[in-house]
């Protein structure tokens, strides 16, 4: 079942480029990953089959792998269990299959926590032009796709519309405070290193990724607030995955994400048929199918099995 947008009997909380978020109660949110797809910060008119389920179930899989490293927001990613906990959704179980996550509610830090293990994308562009990343100097002589040791923590401001903006760690400290900034960097590095090691065993390089964190009431006896991992985690929308067997620095790498979509849109730009703004050009079926297969392929490679659209594991 393809989903362009959800319409559930809950109070809408926010709608992002891909996710529709609803209030369940004072302590819980329901996050629904639709099949919308964006590229170059523009949401396409067409949907990508199974994309929402891939994003939700990869996140759920990673959160189970990382539970001993970090607290997280997931309560359940199983539609039947979600309906049991939120009975008002009982007529919507089928459309929620695989794509819904019941989550703890948090106060989200207004920072994208980006960890770069390789020099690629916007980081390579800035380095090539200025020798810097987020205005901070990197060593000379690096090539595109070179491994960065140690990985670079590179925060950004969050933007629902338009582009996120890379910022310095100093600016991050001024926005959220010194201790929170230190904790977000520590957790981001630890999760990235754990994820990188797990993916490497499956022949996958995680070139870079971004995390989001929130502050939630601690469930322990000590009370107070605790930093927990929220939103999507190590998905093909939030990360750059490369096949390890063909890795070769000095140029761009093939990636397990919406590369077929980006390649098509790049061609439309070069041909003068699209100016990069809304509305986007219509997508041919072969581009939609190739993009869907990329998402399903990275799910198989990471988890070791094919996606169950019912979201069970």
Protein backbone atom coordinates (compact mmCIF):
# COMPACT_ATOMS: atom_id res chain seq x y z
CA UNK A 1 0.00 0.00 0.00
CA UNK A 2 1.57 3.27 -1.14
CA UNK A 3 1.21 6.29 1.15
CA UNK A 4 1.58 9.88 -0.05
CA UNK A 5 0.19 11.28 3.20
CA UNK A 6 -1.48 9.82 6.29
CA UNK A 7 -4.82 10.84 7.79
CA UNK A 8 -5.20 9.37 11.27
CA UNK A 9 -7.70 10.10 14.08
CA UNK A 10 -4.99 11.71 16.21
CA UNK A 11 -3.88 15.33 16.63
CA UNK A 12 -1.20 16.20 14.03
CA UNK A 13 2.05 17.29 15.68
CA UNK A 14 4.22 18.08 12.67
CA UNK A 15 4.69 17.06 9.06
CA UNK A 16 8.18 16.78 7.62
CA UNK A 17 9.37 16.02 4.12
CA UNK A 18 8.84 12.28 4.69
CA UNK A 19 7.28 11.76 8.14
CA UNK A 20 3.87 12.62 9.58
CA UNK A 21 3.99 12.89 13.37
CA UNK A 22 0.93 12.69 15.64
CA UNK A 23 0.31 13.31 19.33
CA UNK A 24 -0.90 10.21 21.18
CA UNK A 25 -0.82 11.68 24.68
CA UNK A 26 1.45 13.78 26.91
CA UNK A 27 4.18 11.11 26.84
CA UNK A 28 3.96 9.54 23.38
CA UNK A 29 4.07 10.39 19.68
CA UNK A 30 3.26 8.28 16.64
CA UNK A 31 5.74 8.68 13.78
CA UNK A 32 4.50 7.55 10.36
CA UNK A 33 7.05 7.28 7.54
CA UNK A 34 5.18 7.89 4.28
CA UNK A 35 6.50 6.91 0.84
CA UNK A 36 7.22 10.54 -0.04
CA UNK A 37 10.71 11.19 -1.30
CA UNK A 38 12.69 14.41 -1.44
CA UNK A 39 15.85 15.29 -3.33
CA UNK A 40 17.72 18.59 -3.41
CA UNK A 41 15.27 19.68 -0.65
CA UNK A 42 12.24 19.31 -2.95
CA UNK A 43 9.52 16.72 -2.28
CA UNK A 44 8.70 14.76 -5.43
CA UNK A 45 5.14 14.33 -6.72
CA UNK A 46 5.47 10.52 -6.84
CA UNK A 47 5.95 7.99 -4.05
CA UNK A 48 8.60 5.26 -3.77
CA UNK A 49 7.14 1.80 -3.05
CA UNK A 50 8.04 0.42 0.42
CA UNK A 51 10.31 3.36 1.24
CA UNK A 52 8.45 4.29 4.42
CA UNK A 53 8.56 0.73 5.72
CA UNK A 54 12.28 0.45 4.92
CA UNK A 55 13.06 3.66 6.84
CA UNK A 56 11.01 2.64 9.89
CA UNK A 57 12.18 -0.98 10.02
CA UNK A 58 15.87 -0.14 9.45
CA UNK A 59 15.62 2.36 12.31
CA UNK A 60 13.93 -0.26 14.53
CA UNK A 61 16.62 -2.81 13.61
CA UNK A 62 19.44 -0.40 14.45
CA UNK A 63 17.84 0.65 17.74
CA UNK A 64 17.75 -2.98 18.80
CA UNK A 65 21.45 -3.35 17.90
CA UNK A 66 22.39 -0.19 19.82
CA UNK A 67 20.26 -0.60 22.95
CA UNK A 68 23.27 -1.30 25.13
CA UNK A 69 24.93 1.95 23.93
CA UNK A 70 22.15 4.54 24.08
CA UNK A 71 18.59 5.06 25.30
CA UNK A 72 16.14 5.71 22.48
CA UNK A 73 12.58 6.82 21.80
CA UNK A 74 11.12 3.61 20.27
CA UNK A 75 8.30 1.93 22.18
CA UNK A 76 7.09 -0.27 19.30
CA UNK A 77 7.37 -0.51 15.50
CA UNK A 78 4.82 -3.34 15.27
CA UNK A 79 1.45 -2.18 13.91
CA UNK A 80 -0.60 -4.74 15.86
CA UNK A 81 1.11 -3.78 19.13
CA UNK A 82 0.67 -0.05 18.36
CA UNK A 83 -3.07 -0.58 17.79
CA UNK A 84 -3.28 -2.50 21.09
CA UNK A 85 -1.69 0.46 22.87
CA UNK A 86 -3.62 3.12 20.91
CA UNK A 87 -7.07 1.60 20.28
CA UNK A 88 -8.34 4.63 18.32
CA UNK A 89 -6.12 3.37 15.47
CA UNK A 90 -7.83 -0.02 15.21
CA UNK A 91 -9.29 0.75 11.75
CA UNK A 92 -5.89 1.86 10.45
CA UNK A 93 -3.68 -1.14 11.27
CA UNK A 94 -3.28 -2.16 7.62
CA UNK A 95 -2.03 1.24 6.45
CA UNK A 96 0.36 1.48 9.41
CA UNK A 97 1.98 -1.90 8.70
CA UNK A 98 5.76 -1.55 8.78
CA UNK A 99 5.81 2.25 8.59
CA UNK A 100 4.65 3.40 12.06
CA UNK A 101 6.68 3.82 15.25
CA UNK A 102 5.19 4.57 18.65
CA UNK A 103 7.74 6.73 20.43
CA UNK A 104 8.53 8.44 23.69
CA UNK A 105 7.93 12.15 23.54
CA UNK A 106 11.00 14.32 24.05
CA UNK A 107 12.15 17.90 23.81
CA UNK A 108 14.28 17.66 20.66
CA UNK A 109 17.58 19.53 20.52
CA UNK A 110 17.55 21.92 17.49
CA UNK A 111 20.78 20.38 16.17
CA UNK A 112 21.56 17.80 13.48
CA UNK A 113 24.50 15.78 14.82
CA UNK A 114 26.49 14.88 11.70
CA UNK A 115 29.41 12.45 11.88
CA UNK A 116 31.64 12.21 8.81
CA UNK A 117 33.94 9.22 8.47
CA UNK A 118 34.76 10.01 4.84
CA UNK A 119 35.09 13.24 2.86
CA UNK A 120 32.05 13.36 0.59
CA UNK A 121 29.05 15.41 -0.50
CA UNK A 122 28.78 18.98 0.79
CA UNK A 123 31.85 18.42 3.01
CA UNK A 124 34.00 17.60 -0.02
CA UNK A 125 32.63 20.63 -1.89
CA UNK A 126 33.53 22.99 0.97
CA UNK A 127 36.95 21.40 1.47
CA UNK A 128 37.75 21.58 -2.25
CA UNK A 129 36.85 25.27 -2.35
CA UNK A 130 38.14 26.47 1.04
CA UNK A 131 40.15 23.70 2.73
CA UNK A 132 37.63 23.75 5.57
CA UNK A 133 34.59 21.96 6.97
CA UNK A 134 32.00 24.20 8.65
CA UNK A 135 34.65 26.91 8.58
CA UNK A 136 37.25 24.84 10.46
CA UNK A 137 40.46 23.89 8.66
CA UNK A 138 41.21 20.32 7.61
CA UNK A 139 44.64 19.00 6.71
CA UNK A 140 45.86 19.63 3.17
CA UNK A 141 45.97 17.05 0.40
CA UNK A 142 42.76 15.13 1.08
CA UNK A 143 40.95 13.53 -1.86
CA UNK A 144 37.24 13.04 -2.44
CA UNK A 145 35.99 9.99 -0.46
CA UNK A 146 39.17 9.82 1.68
CA UNK A 147 38.68 8.23 5.10
CA UNK A 148 38.82 10.74 7.96
CA UNK A 149 40.62 9.57 11.09
CA UNK A 150 39.25 10.27 13.57
CA UNK A 151 35.78 10.90 12.13
CA UNK A 152 34.71 14.54 12.19
CA UNK A 153 31.77 15.67 14.29
CA UNK A 154 30.08 18.39 12.28
CA UNK A 155 26.84 19.80 13.72
CA UNK A 156 24.20 21.56 11.64
CA UNK A 157 21.09 23.58 12.33
CA UNK A 158 17.84 21.80 11.51
CA UNK A 159 15.58 23.09 8.75
CA UNK A 160 12.12 21.72 7.93
CA UNK A 161 12.16 23.81 4.78
CA UNK A 162 15.26 24.47 2.69
CA UNK A 163 18.82 23.54 3.58
CA UNK A 164 20.37 22.59 6.90
CA UNK A 165 23.35 24.83 7.68
CA UNK A 166 26.70 23.48 8.91
CA UNK A 167 27.79 25.24 12.10
CA UNK A 168 30.85 25.18 14.35
CA UNK A 169 30.89 23.24 17.61
CA UNK A 170 31.33 26.62 19.32
CA UNK A 171 28.03 27.81 17.88
CA UNK A 172 26.37 24.55 18.90
CA UNK A 173 27.53 25.14 22.48
CA UNK A 174 26.04 28.63 22.42
CA UNK A 175 22.68 27.23 21.22
CA UNK A 176 22.22 24.27 23.62
CA UNK A 177 24.84 24.75 26.33
CA UNK A 178 28.25 23.24 26.95
CA UNK A 179 27.28 20.05 28.78
CA UNK A 180 24.50 19.12 26.33
CA UNK A 181 26.83 19.78 23.38
CA UNK A 182 29.50 17.54 24.89
CA UNK A 183 26.99 14.74 25.52
CA UNK A 184 25.55 14.93 21.99
CA UNK A 185 29.03 14.75 20.47
CA UNK A 186 30.02 11.82 22.72
CA UNK A 187 26.88 9.85 21.89
CA UNK A 188 27.09 10.65 18.17
CA UNK A 189 30.66 9.38 17.94
CA UNK A 190 29.90 6.24 19.97
CA UNK A 191 26.80 5.34 17.91
CA UNK A 192 28.61 6.00 14.63
CA UNK A 193 31.57 3.81 15.59
CA UNK A 194 29.25 1.00 16.72
CA UNK A 195 27.18 1.28 13.55
CA UNK A 196 30.26 1.45 11.35
CA UNK A 197 31.62 -1.78 12.87
CA UNK A 198 28.29 -3.62 12.43
CA UNK A 199 27.94 -2.44 8.82
CA UNK A 200 31.56 -3.32 7.97
CA UNK A 201 30.84 -6.99 8.74
CA UNK A 202 28.14 -6.79 6.07
CA UNK A 203 30.41 -5.23 3.44
CA UNK A 204 29.01 -1.72 3.88
CA UNK A 205 30.85 1.53 4.58
CA UNK A 206 28.88 4.20 6.47
CA UNK A 207 30.54 7.26 4.98
CA UNK A 208 28.58 9.77 7.03
CA UNK A 209 25.33 10.01 8.96
CA UNK A 210 23.25 12.36 11.05
CA UNK A 211 21.55 11.80 14.38
CA UNK A 212 18.97 13.69 16.39
CA UNK A 213 18.59 13.65 20.14
CA UNK A 214 15.94 14.70 22.60
CA UNK A 215 15.72 15.32 26.31
CA UNK A 216 13.21 13.10 28.14
CA UNK A 217 12.26 12.53 31.76
CA UNK A 218 14.45 9.78 33.15
CA UNK A 219 12.58 6.61 34.05
CA UNK A 220 15.15 5.69 36.69
CA UNK A 221 14.97 6.40 40.40
CA UNK A 222 17.33 9.35 40.06
CA UNK A 223 14.71 11.33 38.10
CA UNK A 224 15.75 14.36 36.08
CA UNK A 225 16.25 14.58 32.32
CA UNK A 226 18.08 12.12 30.08
CA UNK A 227 19.42 12.51 26.52
CA UNK A 228 17.93 9.88 24.20
CA UNK A 229 18.27 9.05 20.51
CA UNK A 230 15.24 10.02 18.40
CA UNK A 231 14.01 10.13 14.80
CA UNK A 232 15.51 7.89 12.11
CA UNK A 233 18.81 6.11 12.74
CA UNK A 234 21.38 4.99 10.15
CA UNK A 235 18.87 4.85 7.29
CA UNK A 236 19.56 5.48 3.59
CA UNK A 237 17.86 8.88 4.02
CA UNK A 238 20.07 9.98 6.93
CA UNK A 239 23.32 8.26 5.94
CA UNK A 240 25.63 7.64 3.01
CA UNK A 241 26.16 3.88 2.55
CA UNK A 242 28.85 2.62 0.15
CA UNK A 243 29.70 -0.93 -0.95
CA UNK A 244 33.07 -1.75 0.64
CA UNK A 245 34.20 -4.03 -2.18
CA UNK A 246 34.32 -1.19 -4.73
CA UNK A 247 35.58 1.60 -2.45
CA UNK A 248 38.27 3.69 -4.12
CA UNK A 249 39.13 7.20 -2.92
CA UNK A 250 39.74 9.99 -5.41
CA UNK A 251 36.20 10.24 -6.78
CA UNK A 252 32.56 9.81 -5.77
CA UNK A 253 31.32 6.34 -4.74
CA UNK A 254 28.14 4.48 -5.70
CA UNK A 255 25.69 4.59 -2.81
CA UNK A 256 22.71 2.62 -1.49
CA UNK A 257 20.19 5.41 -1.41
CA UNK A 258 18.17 7.56 -3.77
CA UNK A 259 21.10 7.91 -6.17
CA UNK A 260 19.00 6.87 -9.23
CA UNK A 261 16.61 9.72 -8.38
CA UNK A 262 19.43 12.25 -7.92
CA UNK A 263 21.07 11.14 -11.17
CA UNK A 264 17.81 11.60 -13.07
CA UNK A 265 17.19 15.05 -11.56
CA UNK A 266 20.79 16.09 -12.30
CA UNK A 267 20.16 15.16 -15.94
CA UNK A 268 16.95 17.21 -16.01
CA UNK A 269 18.85 20.19 -14.58
CA UNK A 270 21.67 19.89 -17.10
CA UNK A 271 19.14 19.65 -19.95
CA UNK A 272 17.48 22.86 -18.73
CA UNK A 273 14.17 21.13 -18.03
CA UNK A 274 14.24 21.76 -14.27
CA UNK A 275 15.59 24.72 -12.29
CA UNK A 276 15.96 22.81 -9.01
CA UNK A 277 12.92 24.40 -7.38
CA UNK A 278 9.34 23.28 -6.75
CA UNK A 279 7.53 21.86 -8.68
CA UNK A 280 9.79 18.90 -9.52
CA UNK A 281 9.66 17.11 -12.87
CA UNK A 282 7.53 13.94 -13.12
CA UNK A 283 9.51 10.75 -12.41
CA UNK A 284 9.63 7.91 -14.96
CA UNK A 285 8.64 4.45 -13.71
CA UNK A 286 12.16 3.05 -14.15
CA UNK A 287 13.57 5.75 -11.83
CA UNK A 288 10.89 5.01 -9.20
CA UNK A 289 11.52 1.25 -9.43
CA UNK A 290 15.32 1.61 -9.29
CA UNK A 291 15.07 3.88 -6.24
CA UNK A 292 12.72 1.46 -4.45
CA UNK A 293 15.09 -1.43 -5.15
CA UNK A 294 18.04 0.53 -3.65
CA UNK A 295 16.13 0.95 -0.39
CA UNK A 296 15.11 -2.72 -0.27
CA UNK A 297 18.68 -3.79 -1.14
CA UNK A 298 20.31 -1.90 1.75
CA UNK A 299 17.66 -3.34 4.11
CA UNK A 300 18.55 -6.88 2.99
CA UNK A 301 22.30 -6.28 3.23
CA UNK A 302 22.12 -4.81 6.72
CA UNK A 303 19.56 -7.08 8.37
CA UNK A 304 20.26 -10.29 6.45
CA UNK A 305 16.66 -10.82 5.38
CA UNK A 306 14.07 -9.30 3.06
CA UNK A 307 11.67 -6.67 4.30
CA UNK A 308 8.51 -8.02 5.86
CA UNK A 309 5.88 -5.42 4.98
CA UNK A 310 4.06 -6.34 8.18
CA UNK A 311 7.01 -4.99 10.13
CA UNK A 312 7.64 -8.11 12.21
CA UNK A 313 11.16 -9.33 12.92
